Amino acid sequence: MVIKNVSLDIVCGYTSRLPDTGRPEVAFAGKSNVGKSSLINALMNRKSLARTSSQPGKTQTINYYNINETIYLVDLPGYGYAKASAAEKQKWAVMIEKYLHTSRNLKAVFVLVDIRHAPNANDIQMYEWVVQNGYQPVIIATKLDKLKRSQVPKAVRTVREGLNLPSDTVLIPFSAETKAGREEIWQQIDLLTGQV
């Protein structure tokens, strides 16, 4: 996709009503600090439209990024942030679940995991949650640049096995640094939103 214009159009907090955007939406879910905001910036060819932070738990709202007035990339709050209170974690869970259940325009969910580690309980729970909500998520294995090339096949296998992925599940290794995987992610977005 050629990015002509992007903007952060809508920000929804815990008490907000979710909008009916009338355009296809693609959501990104992943635990805190897995690189969701960096991924979204890389997809949009912007350095800092989605706020990144080394401090986990930065995204505490549902953020809708308008791409070319045709689709929305939706950044969901990070989950599994250890320092968040139980009440805060519950709020984020409710927000994510409400979005998955009620968005009329959601076409695809991308679940982000860190390629360097086997999926943990939070990753597995999020993946299963998305599947239970009726979506076949695309898995994005982030932080690819932190591995040597020779380590990648084993790391991909570990992620597939850890999430117990069906063999036809798309898994894309991605680096926000080098943009490796960016084109493949856009191909999936175009395919799943009917842009091709």
N, C-alpha and C. Protein backbone atom coordinates (compact mmCIF):
# COMPACT_ATOMS: atom_id res chain seq x y z
N MET A 1 0.84 -1.19 0.00
CA MET A 1 0.00 0.00 0.00
C MET A 1 0.88 1.25 0.00
N VAL A 2 0.53 2.21 -0.81
CA VAL A 2 1.23 3.50 -0.82
C VAL A 2 0.57 4.39 0.22
N ILE A 3 1.34 4.83 1.21
CA ILE A 3 0.79 5.64 2.30
C ILE A 3 0.78 7.10 1.86
N LYS A 4 -0.42 7.63 1.65
CA LYS A 4 -0.52 9.04 1.23
C LYS A 4 -0.73 9.94 2.45
N ASN A 5 -1.64 9.53 3.32
CA ASN A 5 -1.83 10.31 4.55
C ASN A 5 -2.29 9.42 5.69
N VAL A 6 -1.84 9.78 6.88
CA VAL A 6 -2.21 9.04 8.08
C VAL A 6 -2.52 10.03 9.18
N SER A 7 -3.42 9.64 10.08
CA SER A 7 -3.70 10.49 11.24
C SER A 7 -4.26 9.65 12.36
N LEU A 8 -4.00 10.09 13.58
CA LEU A 8 -4.63 9.46 14.74
C LEU A 8 -6.00 10.13 14.86
N ASP A 9 -7.05 9.40 14.47
CA ASP A 9 -8.38 9.99 14.39
C ASP A 9 -9.17 9.88 15.68
N ILE A 10 -9.07 8.71 16.33
CA ILE A 10 -9.98 8.43 17.45
C ILE A 10 -9.17 7.78 18.57
N VAL A 11 -9.40 8.22 19.79
CA VAL A 11 -8.80 7.60 20.98
C VAL A 11 -9.94 7.25 21.93
N CYS A 12 -10.04 5.98 22.29
CA CYS A 12 -11.11 5.52 23.17
C CYS A 12 -10.54 5.06 24.50
N GLY A 13 -11.03 5.64 25.56
CA GLY A 13 -10.66 5.19 26.90
C GLY A 13 -11.65 4.16 27.40
N TYR A 14 -11.50 3.83 28.66
CA TYR A 14 -12.29 2.76 29.27
C TYR A 14 -13.79 3.03 29.18
N THR A 15 -14.18 4.29 29.36
CA THR A 15 -15.62 4.61 29.40
C THR A 15 -16.16 5.04 28.04
N SER A 16 -15.30 5.15 27.03
CA SER A 16 -15.75 5.64 25.72
C SER A 16 -16.66 4.64 25.02
N ARG A 17 -17.57 5.17 24.22
CA ARG A 17 -18.31 4.30 23.30
C ARG A 17 -17.42 4.06 22.10
N LEU A 18 -17.40 2.81 21.65
CA LEU A 18 -16.57 2.50 20.48
C LEU A 18 -17.26 3.02 19.23
N PRO A 19 -16.49 3.64 18.35
CA PRO A 19 -17.11 4.24 17.16
C PRO A 19 -17.43 3.21 16.09
N ASP A 20 -18.40 3.53 15.26
CA ASP A 20 -18.60 2.77 14.03
C ASP A 20 -17.92 3.58 12.93
N THR A 21 -16.71 3.18 12.58
CA THR A 21 -15.90 4.00 11.66
C THR A 21 -16.39 3.90 10.22
N GLY A 22 -17.10 2.82 9.91
CA GLY A 22 -17.58 2.64 8.54
C GLY A 22 -16.48 2.22 7.57
N ARG A 23 -15.29 1.93 8.09
CA ARG A 23 -14.18 1.48 7.24
C ARG A 23 -13.60 0.21 7.81
N PRO A 24 -12.94 -0.60 6.97
CA PRO A 24 -12.31 -1.81 7.51
C PRO A 24 -11.28 -1.47 8.58
N GLU A 25 -11.27 -2.28 9.63
CA GLU A 25 -10.33 -2.09 10.73
C GLU A 25 -9.46 -3.34 10.88
N VAL A 26 -8.19 -3.10 11.20
CA VAL A 26 -7.24 -4.17 11.48
C VAL A 26 -6.66 -3.87 12.85
N ALA A 27 -6.78 -4.82 13.79
CA ALA A 27 -6.35 -4.57 15.17
C ALA A 27 -5.03 -5.26 15.46
N PHE A 28 -4.25 -4.62 16.34
CA PHE A 28 -2.96 -5.15 16.77
C PHE A 28 -2.99 -5.36 18.28
N ALA A 29 -2.76 -6.61 18.69
CA ALA A 29 -2.78 -6.95 20.11
C ALA A 29 -1.44 -7.57 20.48
N GLY A 30 -1.01 -7.31 21.68
CA GLY A 30 0.25 -7.89 22.14
C GLY A 30 0.57 -7.40 23.53
N LYS A 31 1.45 -8.13 24.19
CA LYS A 31 1.74 -7.71 25.56
C LYS A 31 2.54 -6.42 25.57
N SER A 32 2.57 -5.77 26.72
CA SER A 32 3.29 -4.51 26.87
C SER A 32 4.74 -4.69 26.44
N ASN A 33 5.23 -3.70 25.72
CA ASN A 33 6.64 -3.64 25.30
C ASN A 33 7.01 -4.65 24.23
N VAL A 34 6.02 -5.24 23.53
CA VAL A 34 6.35 -6.18 22.46
C VAL A 34 6.66 -5.44 21.16
N GLY A 35 6.31 -4.15 21.12
CA GLY A 35 6.63 -3.35 19.94
C GLY A 35 5.44 -3.00 19.06
N LYS A 36 4.24 -2.92 19.64
CA LYS A 36 3.05 -2.59 18.84
C LYS A 36 3.15 -1.20 18.23
N SER A 37 3.49 -0.22 19.07
CA SER A 37 3.56 1.16 18.55
C SER A 37 4.67 1.30 17.51
N SER A 38 5.80 0.64 17.75
CA SER A 38 6.91 0.69 16.76
C SER A 38 6.47 0.05 15.44
N LEU A 39 5.74 -1.05 15.53
CA LEU A 39 5.23 -1.72 14.32
C LEU A 39 4.29 -0.79 13.56
N ILE A 40 3.37 -0.16 14.28
CA ILE A 40 2.39 0.71 13.61
C ILE A 40 3.10 1.89 12.96
N ASN A 41 4.08 2.48 13.66
CA ASN A 41 4.86 3.56 13.05
C ASN A 41 5.56 3.09 11.78
N ALA A 42 6.13 1.89 11.83
CA ALA A 42 6.84 1.34 10.65
C ALA A 42 5.86 1.12 9.50
N LEU A 43 4.68 0.61 9.80
CA LEU A 43 3.68 0.38 8.75
C LEU A 43 3.25 1.69 8.11
N MET A 44 3.17 2.75 8.93
CA MET A 44 2.69 4.04 8.43
C MET A 44 3.82 4.91 7.88
N ASN A 45 5.07 4.39 7.91
CA ASN A 45 6.23 5.19 7.50
C ASN A 45 6.34 6.48 8.29
N ARG A 46 6.04 6.41 9.58
CA ARG A 46 6.17 7.57 10.46
C ARG A 46 7.08 7.19 11.61
N LYS A 47 7.78 8.18 12.14
CA LYS A 47 8.69 7.88 13.23
C LYS A 47 7.98 7.81 14.58
N SER A 48 7.01 8.69 14.79
CA SER A 48 6.49 8.78 16.15
C SER A 48 5.02 9.15 16.22
N LEU A 49 4.22 8.73 15.25
CA LEU A 49 2.78 9.02 15.36
C LEU A 49 2.20 8.19 16.49
N ALA A 50 2.53 6.89 16.51
CA ALA A 50 2.16 6.05 17.65
C ALA A 50 3.25 6.24 18.69
N ARG A 51 2.87 6.64 19.90
CA ARG A 51 3.88 6.94 20.92
C ARG A 51 4.54 5.67 21.41
N THR A 52 5.86 5.60 21.27
CA THR A 52 6.60 4.45 21.76
C THR A 52 7.26 4.84 23.08
N SER A 53 7.54 3.83 23.87
CA SER A 53 8.18 4.10 25.15
C SER A 53 8.92 2.85 25.60
N SER A 54 10.05 3.06 26.28
CA SER A 54 10.73 1.89 26.85
C SER A 54 9.99 1.44 28.11
N GLN A 55 9.10 2.32 28.57
CA GLN A 55 8.30 1.96 29.76
C GLN A 55 7.07 1.19 29.30
N PRO A 56 6.90 -0.05 29.75
CA PRO A 56 5.74 -0.83 29.32
C PRO A 56 4.43 -0.19 29.75
N GLY A 57 3.37 -0.56 29.05
CA GLY A 57 2.03 -0.10 29.45
C GLY A 57 1.71 1.30 28.99
N LYS A 58 2.43 1.80 27.96
CA LYS A 58 2.21 3.18 27.50
C LYS A 58 0.84 3.33 26.84
N THR A 59 0.46 2.35 26.02
CA THR A 59 -0.84 2.44 25.34
C THR A 59 -1.92 1.92 26.28
N GLN A 60 -2.73 2.86 26.80
CA GLN A 60 -3.79 2.48 27.73
C GLN A 60 -5.16 2.82 27.15
N THR A 61 -5.17 3.13 25.88
CA THR A 61 -6.42 3.45 25.19
C THR A 61 -6.45 2.65 23.90
N ILE A 62 -7.60 2.64 23.24
CA ILE A 62 -7.69 2.05 21.91
C ILE A 62 -7.52 3.20 20.92
N ASN A 63 -6.47 3.12 20.11
CA ASN A 63 -6.12 4.21 19.20
C ASN A 63 -6.39 3.81 17.75
N TYR A 64 -7.14 4.64 17.05
CA TYR A 64 -7.51 4.38 15.66
C TYR A 64 -6.70 5.27 14.73
N TYR A 65 -5.87 4.64 13.89
CA TYR A 65 -5.05 5.38 12.92
C TYR A 65 -5.68 5.26 11.54
N ASN A 66 -6.03 6.40 10.98
CA ASN A 66 -6.68 6.46 9.67
C ASN A 66 -5.61 6.44 8.58
N ILE A 67 -5.68 5.45 7.71
CA ILE A 67 -4.71 5.32 6.62
C ILE A 67 -5.41 5.65 5.30
N ASN A 68 -4.96 6.71 4.65
CA ASN A 68 -5.46 7.08 3.30
C ASN A 68 -6.98 7.21 3.23
N GLU A 69 -7.62 7.47 4.37
CA GLU A 69 -9.11 7.56 4.39
C GLU A 69 -9.76 6.27 3.90
N THR A 70 -9.03 5.14 3.98
CA THR A 70 -9.62 3.88 3.50
C THR A 70 -9.72 2.81 4.57
N ILE A 71 -8.72 2.72 5.46
CA ILE A 71 -8.78 1.70 6.52
C ILE A 71 -8.25 2.29 7.84
N TYR A 72 -8.56 1.60 8.92
CA TYR A 72 -8.02 1.98 10.23
C TYR A 72 -7.11 0.87 10.76
N LEU A 73 -5.91 1.27 11.23
CA LEU A 73 -5.09 0.39 12.05
C LEU A 73 -5.43 0.71 13.49
N VAL A 74 -5.79 -0.30 14.26
CA VAL A 74 -6.28 -0.09 15.62
C VAL A 74 -5.28 -0.69 16.61
N ASP A 75 -4.72 0.18 17.45
CA ASP A 75 -3.72 -0.22 18.44
C ASP A 75 -4.45 -0.48 19.76
N LEU A 76 -4.45 -1.75 20.19
CA LEU A 76 -5.12 -2.12 21.44
C LEU A 76 -4.16 -1.98 22.61
N PRO A 77 -4.68 -1.77 23.83
CA PRO A 77 -3.77 -1.63 24.98
C PRO A 77 -2.92 -2.88 25.17
N GLY A 78 -1.67 -2.68 25.58
CA GLY A 78 -0.80 -3.81 25.88
C GLY A 78 -1.31 -4.55 27.10
N TYR A 79 -1.12 -5.85 27.11
CA TYR A 79 -1.59 -6.62 28.27
C TYR A 79 -0.40 -7.25 28.97
N GLY A 80 -0.65 -7.74 30.19
CA GLY A 80 0.40 -8.47 30.90
C GLY A 80 1.48 -7.59 31.50
N TYR A 81 1.19 -6.30 31.67
CA TYR A 81 2.19 -5.40 32.25
C TYR A 81 2.23 -5.63 33.76
N ALA A 82 3.36 -6.12 34.24
CA ALA A 82 3.46 -6.60 35.63
C ALA A 82 3.16 -5.52 36.67
N LYS A 83 3.54 -4.27 36.37
CA LYS A 83 3.40 -3.23 37.39
C LYS A 83 1.99 -2.62 37.43
N ALA A 84 1.15 -2.96 36.49
CA ALA A 84 -0.21 -2.43 36.51
C ALA A 84 -0.99 -3.11 37.62
N SER A 85 -1.90 -2.37 38.22
CA SER A 85 -2.73 -2.96 39.27
C SER A 85 -3.72 -3.95 38.66
N ALA A 86 -4.24 -4.83 39.48
CA ALA A 86 -5.22 -5.82 39.01
C ALA A 86 -6.43 -5.11 38.41
N ALA A 87 -6.85 -4.02 39.04
CA ALA A 87 -8.02 -3.27 38.54
C ALA A 87 -7.74 -2.67 37.17
N GLU A 88 -6.52 -2.17 37.01
CA GLU A 88 -6.13 -1.58 35.72
C GLU A 88 -6.09 -2.65 34.63
N LYS A 89 -5.48 -3.79 34.97
CA LYS A 89 -5.41 -4.90 34.01
C LYS A 89 -6.80 -5.34 33.59
N GLN A 90 -7.71 -5.38 34.57
CA GLN A 90 -9.08 -5.79 34.28
C GLN A 90 -9.74 -4.80 33.32
N LYS A 91 -9.49 -3.52 33.53
CA LYS A 91 -10.06 -2.49 32.64
C LYS A 91 -9.58 -2.70 31.20
N TRP A 92 -8.26 -2.95 31.05
CA TRP A 92 -7.71 -3.15 29.71
C TRP A 92 -8.34 -4.38 29.06
N ALA A 93 -8.48 -5.45 29.87
CA ALA A 93 -9.07 -6.69 29.34
C ALA A 93 -10.50 -6.44 28.87
N VAL A 94 -11.25 -5.69 29.66
CA VAL A 94 -12.64 -5.38 29.29
C VAL A 94 -12.68 -4.55 28.01
N MET A 95 -11.78 -3.57 27.90
CA MET A 95 -11.73 -2.74 26.69
C MET A 95 -11.44 -3.57 25.45
N ILE A 96 -10.44 -4.45 25.56
CA ILE A 96 -10.05 -5.28 24.41
C ILE A 96 -11.20 -6.20 24.04
N GLU A 97 -11.80 -6.82 25.05
CA GLU A 97 -12.88 -7.77 24.78
C GLU A 97 -14.08 -7.06 24.15
N LYS A 98 -14.40 -5.88 24.69
CA LYS A 98 -15.52 -5.11 24.14
C LYS A 98 -15.27 -4.79 22.67
N TYR A 99 -14.03 -4.40 22.37
CA TYR A 99 -13.69 -4.08 20.99
C TYR A 99 -13.84 -5.31 20.09
N LEU A 100 -13.26 -6.44 20.51
CA LEU A 100 -13.34 -7.66 19.70
C LEU A 100 -14.79 -8.10 19.48
N HIS A 101 -15.62 -7.89 20.50
CA HIS A 101 -17.02 -8.34 20.42
C HIS A 101 -17.90 -7.40 19.61
N THR A 102 -17.61 -6.09 19.68
CA THR A 102 -18.61 -5.14 19.17
C THR A 102 -18.22 -4.39 17.91
N SER A 103 -16.94 -4.41 17.52
CA SER A 103 -16.58 -3.67 16.31
C SER A 103 -17.22 -4.33 15.09
N ARG A 104 -17.99 -3.53 14.37
CA ARG A 104 -18.65 -4.06 13.16
C ARG A 104 -17.69 -4.13 11.99
N ASN A 105 -16.58 -3.42 12.11
CA ASN A 105 -15.69 -3.25 10.95
C ASN A 105 -14.38 -4.02 11.07
N LEU A 106 -14.21 -4.75 12.17
CA LEU A 106 -12.95 -5.45 12.38
C LEU A 106 -12.82 -6.62 11.40
N LYS A 107 -11.78 -6.56 10.58
CA LYS A 107 -11.56 -7.58 9.55
C LYS A 107 -10.48 -8.58 9.93
N ALA A 108 -9.52 -8.16 10.75
CA ALA A 108 -8.41 -9.05 11.08
C ALA A 108 -7.75 -8.59 12.37
N VAL A 109 -7.18 -9.57 13.08
CA VAL A 109 -6.43 -9.28 14.30
C VAL A 109 -5.01 -9.83 14.12
N PHE A 110 -4.04 -8.99 14.39
CA PHE A 110 -2.64 -9.38 14.37
C PHE A 110 -2.18 -9.48 15.83
N VAL A 111 -1.66 -10.64 16.21
CA VAL A 111 -1.16 -10.84 17.56
C VAL A 111 0.36 -10.79 17.52
N LEU A 112 0.95 -9.91 18.32
CA LEU A 112 2.40 -9.73 18.34
C LEU A 112 3.02 -10.51 19.49
N VAL A 113 4.10 -11.21 19.19
CA VAL A 113 4.88 -11.89 20.22
C VAL A 113 6.36 -11.57 19.96
N ASP A 114 7.15 -11.66 21.00
CA ASP A 114 8.60 -11.40 20.90
C ASP A 114 9.28 -12.67 20.38
N ILE A 115 9.92 -12.57 19.23
CA ILE A 115 10.52 -13.74 18.58
C ILE A 115 11.65 -14.37 19.43
N ARG A 116 12.18 -13.60 20.38
CA ARG A 116 13.33 -14.09 21.16
C ARG A 116 12.93 -15.06 22.26
N HIS A 117 11.64 -15.10 22.59
CA HIS A 117 11.19 -15.90 23.74
C HIS A 117 10.04 -16.82 23.35
N ALA A 118 9.96 -17.95 24.01
CA ALA A 118 8.78 -18.81 23.85
C ALA A 118 7.57 -18.04 24.35
N PRO A 119 6.41 -18.19 23.71
CA PRO A 119 5.21 -17.50 24.18
C PRO A 119 4.92 -17.82 25.65
N ASN A 120 4.58 -16.79 26.42
CA ASN A 120 4.26 -17.02 27.82
C ASN A 120 2.74 -17.15 27.99
N ALA A 121 2.30 -17.29 29.23
CA ALA A 121 0.87 -17.51 29.50
C ALA A 121 0.01 -16.37 28.94
N ASN A 122 0.50 -15.13 29.04
CA ASN A 122 -0.26 -13.98 28.52
C ASN A 122 -0.41 -14.05 27.00
N ASP A 123 0.68 -14.43 26.32
CA ASP A 123 0.63 -14.55 24.85
C ASP A 123 -0.38 -15.62 24.45
N ILE A 124 -0.31 -16.75 25.12
CA ILE A 124 -1.19 -17.88 24.78
C ILE A 124 -2.64 -17.50 25.05
N GLN A 125 -2.87 -16.83 26.18
CA GLN A 125 -4.23 -16.42 26.53
C GLN A 125 -4.78 -15.45 25.47
N MET A 126 -3.96 -14.49 25.05
CA MET A 126 -4.42 -13.51 24.06
C MET A 126 -4.74 -14.19 22.74
N TYR A 127 -3.84 -15.08 22.31
CA TYR A 127 -4.07 -15.80 21.05
C TYR A 127 -5.38 -16.59 21.13
N GLU A 128 -5.57 -17.34 22.21
CA GLU A 128 -6.78 -18.17 22.34
C GLU A 128 -8.03 -17.31 22.44
N TRP A 129 -7.92 -16.18 23.08
CA TRP A 129 -9.02 -15.23 23.24
C TRP A 129 -9.48 -14.72 21.88
N VAL A 130 -8.51 -14.34 21.05
CA VAL A 130 -8.82 -13.84 19.70
C VAL A 130 -9.51 -14.94 18.88
N VAL A 131 -8.99 -16.17 18.98
CA VAL A 131 -9.59 -17.30 18.25
C VAL A 131 -11.02 -17.55 18.74
N GLN A 132 -11.21 -17.49 20.07
CA GLN A 132 -12.56 -17.70 20.63
C GLN A 132 -13.54 -16.63 20.19
N ASN A 133 -13.01 -15.45 19.87
CA ASN A 133 -13.87 -14.37 19.39
C ASN A 133 -14.13 -14.47 17.89
N GLY A 134 -13.69 -15.57 17.28
CA GLY A 134 -14.05 -15.83 15.89
C GLY A 134 -13.06 -15.37 14.85
N TYR A 135 -11.86 -14.98 15.26
CA TYR A 135 -10.85 -14.51 14.31
C TYR A 135 -9.72 -15.52 14.19
N GLN A 136 -9.12 -15.57 13.01
CA GLN A 136 -7.93 -16.40 12.79
C GLN A 136 -6.76 -15.43 12.73
N PRO A 137 -6.10 -15.19 13.87
CA PRO A 137 -5.11 -14.12 13.88
C PRO A 137 -3.86 -14.42 13.05
N VAL A 138 -3.27 -13.35 12.55
CA VAL A 138 -1.95 -13.41 11.93
C VAL A 138 -0.97 -13.13 13.07
N ILE A 139 0.09 -13.93 13.16
CA ILE A 139 1.08 -13.74 14.22
C ILE A 139 2.25 -12.93 13.67
N ILE A 140 2.63 -11.88 14.40
CA ILE A 140 3.81 -11.10 14.05
C ILE A 140 4.85 -11.33 15.14
N ALA A 141 5.99 -11.90 14.75
CA ALA A 141 7.08 -12.16 15.71
C ALA A 141 8.06 -11.00 15.64
N THR A 142 7.99 -10.10 16.63
CA THR A 142 8.73 -8.84 16.60
C THR A 142 10.18 -9.01 17.07
N LYS A 143 10.93 -7.91 16.90
CA LYS A 143 12.33 -7.83 17.37
C LYS A 143 13.25 -8.80 16.65
N LEU A 144 12.95 -9.02 15.37
CA LEU A 144 13.73 -9.93 14.53
C LEU A 144 15.20 -9.53 14.47
N ASP A 145 15.47 -8.23 14.49
CA ASP A 145 16.86 -7.75 14.36
C ASP A 145 17.72 -8.14 15.56
N LYS A 146 17.10 -8.59 16.64
CA LYS A 146 17.86 -8.98 17.84
C LYS A 146 18.42 -10.42 17.72
N LEU A 147 18.02 -11.13 16.67
CA LEU A 147 18.51 -12.50 16.46
C LEU A 147 19.50 -12.56 15.30
N LYS A 148 20.40 -13.54 15.36
CA LYS A 148 21.22 -13.84 14.19
C LYS A 148 20.33 -14.57 13.19
N ARG A 149 20.65 -14.43 11.92
CA ARG A 149 19.83 -15.07 10.88
C ARG A 149 19.69 -16.58 11.12
N SER A 150 20.78 -17.20 11.58
CA SER A 150 20.76 -18.66 11.80
C SER A 150 19.82 -19.07 12.93
N GLN A 151 19.46 -18.12 13.82
CA GLN A 151 18.60 -18.44 14.96
C GLN A 151 17.11 -18.35 14.61
N VAL A 152 16.80 -17.72 13.48
CA VAL A 152 15.40 -17.40 13.17
C VAL A 152 14.52 -18.64 12.98
N PRO A 153 14.93 -19.65 12.17
CA PRO A 153 14.03 -20.80 11.97
C PRO A 153 13.63 -21.48 13.28
N LYS A 154 14.61 -21.65 14.19
CA LYS A 154 14.31 -22.29 15.48
C LYS A 154 13.36 -21.41 16.31
N ALA A 155 13.60 -20.10 16.30
CA ALA A 155 12.75 -19.17 17.06
C ALA A 155 11.31 -19.20 16.54
N VAL A 156 11.15 -19.22 15.20
CA VAL A 156 9.82 -19.29 14.59
C VAL A 156 9.12 -20.58 15.00
N ARG A 157 9.87 -21.66 14.98
CA ARG A 157 9.31 -22.96 15.38
C ARG A 157 8.85 -22.93 16.84
N THR A 158 9.65 -22.30 17.70
CA THR A 158 9.31 -22.19 19.12
C THR A 158 8.01 -21.42 19.31
N VAL A 159 7.84 -20.32 18.55
CA VAL A 159 6.60 -19.53 18.64
C VAL A 159 5.42 -20.37 18.16
N ARG A 160 5.57 -21.03 17.01
CA ARG A 160 4.48 -21.86 16.47
C ARG A 160 4.05 -22.94 17.46
N GLU A 161 5.05 -23.62 18.03
CA GLU A 161 4.75 -24.70 18.96
C GLU A 161 4.16 -24.15 20.26
N GLY A 162 4.72 -23.03 20.74
CA GLY A 162 4.25 -22.43 22.00
C GLY A 162 2.80 -21.99 21.94
N LEU A 163 2.38 -21.48 20.79
CA LEU A 163 0.99 -21.05 20.63
C LEU A 163 0.11 -22.18 20.09
N ASN A 164 0.74 -23.31 19.74
CA ASN A 164 0.02 -24.45 19.17
C ASN A 164 -0.76 -24.01 17.92
N LEU A 165 -0.05 -23.35 17.01
CA LEU A 165 -0.70 -22.77 15.83
C LEU A 165 -1.07 -23.84 14.82
N PRO A 166 -2.26 -23.71 14.21
CA PRO A 166 -2.57 -24.56 13.05
C PRO A 166 -1.53 -24.31 11.96
N SER A 167 -1.27 -25.31 11.14
CA SER A 167 -0.19 -25.21 10.15
C SER A 167 -0.43 -24.09 9.13
N ASP A 168 -1.69 -23.71 8.91
CA ASP A 168 -1.97 -22.66 7.91
C ASP A 168 -1.95 -21.24 8.50
N THR A 169 -1.62 -21.11 9.78
CA THR A 169 -1.57 -19.77 10.38
C THR A 169 -0.38 -19.01 9.83
N VAL A 170 -0.63 -17.77 9.40
CA VAL A 170 0.45 -16.92 8.88
C VAL A 170 1.26 -16.37 10.05
N LEU A 171 2.57 -16.55 9.99
CA LEU A 171 3.48 -15.98 11.01
C LEU A 171 4.54 -15.18 10.26
N ILE A 172 4.67 -13.92 10.63
CA ILE A 172 5.60 -13.02 9.93
C ILE A 172 6.65 -12.50 10.91
N PRO A 173 7.92 -12.90 10.75
CA PRO A 173 8.98 -12.27 11.55
C PRO A 173 9.13 -10.81 11.11
N PHE A 174 9.30 -9.91 12.10
CA PHE A 174 9.29 -8.48 11.79
C PHE A 174 10.33 -7.74 12.62
N SER A 175 10.94 -6.73 12.02
CA SER A 175 11.84 -5.82 12.73
C SER A 175 11.45 -4.38 12.46
N ALA A 176 11.17 -3.63 13.51
CA ALA A 176 10.87 -2.21 13.34
C ALA A 176 12.13 -1.45 12.94
N GLU A 177 13.31 -2.00 13.28
CA GLU A 177 14.58 -1.35 12.94
C GLU A 177 14.87 -1.44 11.45
N THR A 178 14.80 -2.66 10.91
CA THR A 178 15.19 -2.87 9.51
C THR A 178 13.99 -2.86 8.56
N LYS A 179 12.79 -2.88 9.12
CA LYS A 179 11.51 -2.96 8.36
C LYS A 179 11.32 -4.33 7.68
N ALA A 180 12.15 -5.33 8.05
CA ALA A 180 11.95 -6.68 7.52
C ALA A 180 10.56 -7.16 7.95
N GLY A 181 9.80 -7.67 7.00
CA GLY A 181 8.45 -8.16 7.27
C GLY A 181 7.35 -7.15 6.99
N ARG A 182 7.74 -5.88 6.81
CA ARG A 182 6.73 -4.82 6.61
C ARG A 182 5.84 -5.09 5.40
N GLU A 183 6.47 -5.41 4.26
CA GLU A 183 5.68 -5.64 3.04
C GLU A 183 4.74 -6.82 3.20
N GLU A 184 5.22 -7.89 3.86
CA GLU A 184 4.38 -9.07 4.07
C GLU A 184 3.17 -8.74 4.93
N ILE A 185 3.38 -7.88 5.93
CA ILE A 185 2.26 -7.48 6.80
C ILE A 185 1.24 -6.69 5.98
N TRP A 186 1.71 -5.76 5.15
CA TRP A 186 0.78 -4.99 4.31
C TRP A 186 0.04 -5.90 3.34
N GLN A 187 0.73 -6.91 2.81
CA GLN A 187 0.04 -7.84 1.91
C GLN A 187 -1.12 -8.53 2.63
N GLN A 188 -0.88 -8.93 3.89
CA GLN A 188 -1.94 -9.56 4.68
C GLN A 188 -3.08 -8.58 4.95
N ILE A 189 -2.70 -7.34 5.31
CA ILE A 189 -3.74 -6.32 5.58
C ILE A 189 -4.60 -6.11 4.33
N ASP A 190 -3.94 -5.94 3.18
CA ASP A 190 -4.68 -5.72 1.92
C ASP A 190 -5.59 -6.88 1.62
N LEU A 191 -5.06 -8.08 1.81
CA LEU A 191 -5.83 -9.30 1.54
C LEU A 191 -7.05 -9.39 2.45
N LEU A 192 -6.83 -9.17 3.76
CA LEU A 192 -7.88 -9.39 4.75
C LEU A 192 -8.91 -8.27 4.79
N THR A 193 -8.56 -7.10 4.25
CA THR A 193 -9.53 -6.00 4.22
C THR A 193 -10.13 -5.80 2.82
N GLY A 194 -9.76 -6.69 1.90
CA GLY A 194 -10.34 -6.58 0.55
C GLY A 194 -9.81 -5.42 -0.25
N GLN A 195 -8.57 -4.97 0.05
CA GLN A 195 -7.99 -3.83 -0.68
C GLN A 195 -7.31 -4.28 -1.98
N VAL A 196 -7.24 -5.60 -2.21
CA VAL A 196 -6.57 -6.06 -3.44
C VAL A 196 -7.58 -6.53 -4.45
